[in-house]
Amino acid sequence: MPRPKSLVVTMEITTAGRAHDCRYNKKHRLEKGIQRLTVREDGDEHHYCLPCGKTFLVQGVERLKSLLAEIETLAR
């Protein structure tokens, strides 16, 4: 039996090695040494400031909860 597919991309909190802009909002500057959310997708790393990262995570959790509830309803 194949291993179940993970729907969650690889994410971790990392430290910026140099100053750069948040990938989502260019007005958010990530200074060297600041904590950021790093998302690995299709072999690339995308870096986001923590406020943008938190927004993504909250929206993702809500979407997953909604889909899970729909599946539970349909599976009955």
N, C-alpha and C. Protein backbone atom coordinates (compact mmCIF):
# COMPACT_ATOMS: atom_id res chain seq x y z
N MET A 1 0.85 -1.18 0.00
CA MET A 1 0.00 0.00 0.00
C MET A 1 0.90 1.24 0.00
N PRO A 2 0.63 2.21 -0.88
CA PRO A 2 1.47 3.41 -0.94
C PRO A 2 1.28 4.29 0.30
N ARG A 3 2.32 5.05 0.56
CA ARG A 3 2.28 5.98 1.69
C ARG A 3 1.30 7.11 1.38
N PRO A 4 0.52 7.56 2.38
CA PRO A 4 -0.42 8.67 2.14
C PRO A 4 0.31 9.95 1.75
N LYS A 5 -0.26 10.68 0.82
CA LYS A 5 0.33 11.93 0.35
C LYS A 5 0.14 13.03 1.39
N SER A 6 1.18 13.79 1.63
CA SER A 6 1.08 14.94 2.52
C SER A 6 0.60 16.15 1.74
N LEU A 7 -0.38 16.84 2.28
CA LEU A 7 -0.90 18.05 1.63
C LEU A 7 -0.22 19.31 2.14
N VAL A 8 0.66 19.15 3.11
CA VAL A 8 1.33 20.30 3.71
C VAL A 8 2.72 20.44 3.10
N VAL A 9 3.01 21.61 2.55
CA VAL A 9 4.34 21.86 1.99
C VAL A 9 5.36 22.00 3.12
N THR A 10 6.62 21.87 2.80
CA THR A 10 7.67 22.00 3.79
C THR A 10 7.82 23.45 4.19
N MET A 11 7.67 23.71 5.49
CA MET A 11 7.78 25.07 6.02
C MET A 11 8.60 25.03 7.29
N GLU A 12 9.34 26.11 7.55
CA GLU A 12 10.06 26.23 8.80
C GLU A 12 10.37 27.70 9.06
N ILE A 13 10.64 28.00 10.32
CA ILE A 13 11.07 29.34 10.70
C ILE A 13 12.59 29.36 10.57
N THR A 14 13.10 30.31 9.79
CA THR A 14 14.54 30.45 9.60
C THR A 14 14.96 31.87 9.92
N THR A 15 16.25 32.11 9.90
CA THR A 15 16.80 33.43 10.15
C THR A 15 17.35 33.99 8.86
N ALA A 16 17.00 35.23 8.55
CA ALA A 16 17.48 35.87 7.33
C ALA A 16 18.99 36.08 7.41
N GLY A 17 19.69 35.62 6.38
CA GLY A 17 21.14 35.78 6.33
C GLY A 17 21.54 37.12 5.75
N ARG A 18 20.61 37.76 5.08
CA ARG A 18 20.83 39.10 4.52
C ARG A 18 19.49 39.82 4.49
N ALA A 19 19.51 41.11 4.29
CA ALA A 19 18.28 41.88 4.22
C ALA A 19 17.62 41.68 2.85
N HIS A 20 16.30 41.54 2.85
CA HIS A 20 15.54 41.41 1.61
C HIS A 20 14.07 41.66 1.90
N ASP A 21 13.27 41.74 0.86
CA ASP A 21 11.84 41.99 1.01
C ASP A 21 11.08 40.69 1.18
N CYS A 22 9.94 40.78 1.87
CA CYS A 22 9.00 39.67 1.97
C CYS A 22 8.50 39.35 0.57
N ARG A 23 8.39 38.08 0.25
CA ARG A 23 7.96 37.68 -1.09
C ARG A 23 6.51 38.09 -1.38
N TYR A 24 5.67 38.12 -0.35
CA TYR A 24 4.26 38.46 -0.54
C TYR A 24 4.02 39.97 -0.59
N ASN A 25 4.68 40.70 0.30
CA ASN A 25 4.46 42.14 0.38
C ASN A 25 5.81 42.85 0.37
N LYS A 26 6.14 43.46 -0.73
CA LYS A 26 7.45 44.11 -0.90
C LYS A 26 7.66 45.27 0.06
N LYS A 27 6.60 45.76 0.69
CA LYS A 27 6.73 46.83 1.68
C LYS A 27 7.26 46.31 3.01
N HIS A 28 7.20 44.98 3.21
CA HIS A 28 7.70 44.37 4.44
C HIS A 28 9.16 43.99 4.24
N ARG A 29 10.04 44.67 4.94
CA ARG A 29 11.49 44.44 4.80
C ARG A 29 11.96 43.46 5.86
N LEU A 30 12.68 42.43 5.45
CA LEU A 30 13.26 41.46 6.37
C LEU A 30 14.73 41.80 6.53
N GLU A 31 15.09 42.32 7.68
CA GLU A 31 16.48 42.69 7.94
C GLU A 31 17.29 41.45 8.31
N LYS A 32 18.58 41.52 8.09
CA LYS A 32 19.47 40.41 8.45
C LYS A 32 19.29 40.06 9.92
N GLY A 33 19.18 38.76 10.20
CA GLY A 33 19.05 38.28 11.57
C GLY A 33 17.63 38.13 12.07
N ILE A 34 16.64 38.62 11.31
CA ILE A 34 15.25 38.54 11.75
C ILE A 34 14.67 37.16 11.39
N GLN A 35 13.73 36.69 12.17
CA GLN A 35 13.06 35.41 11.92
C GLN A 35 12.05 35.60 10.78
N ARG A 36 11.92 34.56 9.96
CA ARG A 36 11.00 34.59 8.81
C ARG A 36 10.44 33.20 8.58
N LEU A 37 9.37 33.11 7.80
CA LEU A 37 8.81 31.83 7.41
C LEU A 37 9.40 31.46 6.05
N THR A 38 10.00 30.29 5.98
CA THR A 38 10.55 29.78 4.72
C THR A 38 9.68 28.63 4.25
N VAL A 39 9.20 28.73 3.02
CA VAL A 39 8.35 27.70 2.42
C VAL A 39 9.11 27.12 1.24
N ARG A 40 9.29 25.80 1.25
CA ARG A 40 9.94 25.11 0.13
C ARG A 40 8.86 24.53 -0.76
N GLU A 41 8.91 24.92 -2.04
CA GLU A 41 7.91 24.47 -2.99
C GLU A 41 8.56 24.28 -4.35
N ASP A 42 8.41 23.10 -4.91
CA ASP A 42 8.99 22.77 -6.22
C ASP A 42 10.49 23.06 -6.28
N GLY A 43 11.20 22.78 -5.19
CA GLY A 43 12.65 22.97 -5.16
C GLY A 43 13.11 24.38 -4.87
N ASP A 44 12.19 25.32 -4.78
CA ASP A 44 12.54 26.72 -4.49
C ASP A 44 12.17 27.07 -3.06
N GLU A 45 12.90 28.01 -2.48
CA GLU A 45 12.57 28.53 -1.16
C GLU A 45 12.00 29.93 -1.31
N HIS A 46 10.87 30.15 -0.65
CA HIS A 46 10.23 31.47 -0.65
C HIS A 46 10.20 31.95 0.79
N HIS A 47 10.59 33.22 1.00
CA HIS A 47 10.70 33.76 2.35
C HIS A 47 9.64 34.84 2.58
N TYR A 48 8.98 34.74 3.73
CA TYR A 48 7.90 35.65 4.09
C TYR A 48 8.14 36.20 5.49
N CYS A 49 7.70 37.43 5.72
CA CYS A 49 7.76 37.98 7.08
C CYS A 49 6.77 37.19 7.94
N LEU A 50 6.95 37.24 9.24
CA LEU A 50 6.09 36.46 10.13
C LEU A 50 4.63 36.90 10.09
N PRO A 51 4.31 38.20 10.01
CA PRO A 51 2.88 38.56 9.92
C PRO A 51 2.20 38.00 8.66
N CYS A 52 2.87 38.04 7.52
CA CYS A 52 2.30 37.44 6.30
C CYS A 52 2.21 35.93 6.44
N GLY A 53 3.24 35.32 6.99
CA GLY A 53 3.24 33.88 7.20
C GLY A 53 2.11 33.44 8.11
N LYS A 54 1.87 34.21 9.16
CA LYS A 54 0.78 33.87 10.08
C LYS A 54 -0.56 33.91 9.36
N THR A 55 -0.76 34.92 8.52
CA THR A 55 -2.00 35.05 7.75
C THR A 55 -2.20 33.81 6.86
N PHE A 56 -1.14 33.38 6.16
CA PHE A 56 -1.23 32.19 5.31
C PHE A 56 -1.61 30.96 6.13
N LEU A 57 -0.96 30.80 7.28
CA LEU A 57 -1.21 29.61 8.10
C LEU A 57 -2.63 29.59 8.64
N VAL A 58 -3.12 30.73 9.12
CA VAL A 58 -4.49 30.79 9.64
C VAL A 58 -5.49 30.47 8.54
N GLN A 59 -5.30 31.05 7.36
CA GLN A 59 -6.21 30.77 6.24
C GLN A 59 -6.14 29.30 5.83
N GLY A 60 -4.94 28.72 5.83
CA GLY A 60 -4.77 27.32 5.46
C GLY A 60 -5.45 26.39 6.45
N VAL A 61 -5.30 26.67 7.73
CA VAL A 61 -5.92 25.85 8.77
C VAL A 61 -7.44 25.90 8.63
N GLU A 62 -7.98 27.07 8.41
CA GLU A 62 -9.44 27.21 8.24
C GLU A 62 -9.92 26.44 7.02
N ARG A 63 -9.18 26.51 5.94
CA ARG A 63 -9.56 25.79 4.71
C ARG A 63 -9.52 24.28 4.95
N LEU A 64 -8.48 23.80 5.62
CA LEU A 64 -8.37 22.38 5.92
C LEU A 64 -9.51 21.91 6.83
N LYS A 65 -9.86 22.72 7.83
CA LYS A 65 -10.97 22.38 8.73
C LYS A 65 -12.28 22.27 7.95
N SER A 66 -12.49 23.20 7.04
CA SER A 66 -13.71 23.20 6.23
C SER A 66 -13.79 21.96 5.35
N LEU A 67 -12.68 21.63 4.70
CA LEU A 67 -12.66 20.44 3.84
C LEU A 67 -12.83 19.16 4.65
N LEU A 68 -12.22 19.09 5.81
CA LEU A 68 -12.36 17.91 6.67
C LEU A 68 -13.81 17.74 7.11
N ALA A 69 -14.44 18.84 7.49
CA ALA A 69 -15.85 18.76 7.91
C ALA A 69 -16.72 18.30 6.75
N GLU A 70 -16.46 18.78 5.54
CA GLU A 70 -17.23 18.36 4.38
C GLU A 70 -17.03 16.87 4.10
N ILE A 71 -15.80 16.40 4.19
CA ILE A 71 -15.52 14.97 3.98
C ILE A 71 -16.22 14.12 5.02
N GLU A 72 -16.19 14.55 6.29
CA GLU A 72 -16.85 13.80 7.35
C GLU A 72 -18.35 13.72 7.11
N THR A 73 -18.94 14.79 6.62
CA THR A 73 -20.37 14.80 6.33
C THR A 73 -20.69 13.85 5.17
N LEU A 74 -19.90 13.88 4.13
CA LEU A 74 -20.14 13.05 2.95
C LEU A 74 -19.84 11.56 3.23
N ALA A 75 -18.94 11.29 4.15
CA ALA A 75 -18.55 9.90 4.43
C ALA A 75 -19.58 9.17 5.29
N ARG A 76 -20.55 9.86 5.81
CA ARG A 76 -21.57 9.23 6.67
C ARG A 76 -22.61 8.52 5.88
